[in-house]
Amino acid sequence: MSESVLDSKKSLSIGERINKLQKRNLLIDDYGLLYDYIKNINTYYHITGYRFLLDNYDVKEDNYYNHKSTELIALSEIDRKISIMLFQEIRKIEESLRTRLANLCGQDDMVTFKLDNDNGLALLDHNYCLINHVKEKFIANDQYDNILGKVLYDDIHKTREEPAIKHYIDEYNGIIPIWVAINFISFGTLIKMIDCLTTVKLNEFMEGKPYKKVKGAMDPSRTDLKAIHMLRNKISHHSNILGKQSPYIVKGKFYSIYSLGYVSICHWPSLLFKDNLTLSLRQKIENILVEVNKEYNTTFNFSIIYNRKIK
């Protein structure tokens, strides 16, 4: 490897990084603030990742054209504050989905999973519910075998020392009822479990609303859950989200992760809580924008969450 290549891979000091930004025509309007931010709050590559959202930034030339360093900090703070706020809303939805699924299994129903440690699978043990005094399946076997058996086992196995799980492993030979299991599975596995419900139980879960092909503009859907799940994971891993494009295509259109997540979060409370969050959630985002704009003397507005410049 040549010396020039090795030099390019050496870590620069914070001061050297700021000098590079100045050479790219970023106005350092508060050197101390930027230095402290890179040193203590967020990495250089994290904060400069927001440059694509600046109106006049030239990608080919890597030229900031006199945008200010406080604009980058403001975008980082907007991203951080919105993600924290949305995570709180996602948690409410997640907890309600777990509760709804637990309550879907009535006193006369029996849905249990048998841990198969040899093959690393959670096998369906009992799987029935009573509907009009007739036994029906609660979970669709073919769906379960294809998408849930392995991930459900993995989630439960990771939490095998939790008192509730350990109790059923020790006292019931690893046979765990659904209303216990759902407390220890990931959000992604929870969505898969909803996907595996039989038509009759899914219809009950959704209160008659379609799950995959929605009709009403505010009806919740499987696509919403996937968008919420992805946003949740991005937030958990401290990713730059603002301006990133969602991989999901809805009715032939691309959306940003935030815009699709915002809409999806607004849809599910209409079913779970009988509440429309559209206006209140937007107002929370507007309040964040006002707060950040005031602190950093910037002018970003609500349209920033729809921006999808970064793939």
Foldseek 3Di string as FASTA:
>chain_A
DDPVVVVVPDDDQLVVLVVVLVVLQAAAPDVVVSSCCCVPPHPPCQLCVCLLVQDPQDPVSRHSNHHYSLVSVLLLLLQLVLLVVLLVLLVVLLVLLLVLVLPLADPQHFWKWAQDVVVQWTHTDGAWHADPNDTDGFFARVLCVVPAGNQLSVQLVVVCVPVVNVCCCVPVVRIGTSNVSSVRHDLVNSLSRLVGTDPVSVCVSQVNADADDGDDPLAAHSQLSVLLVVSNVCSVVVHRQFQAWDPDADPNHIWGSQVSNLSSSQRSCCRRVVDGCNVVSQVSSQVSSVVSCVVSVDDDGPCRNRHNSHD
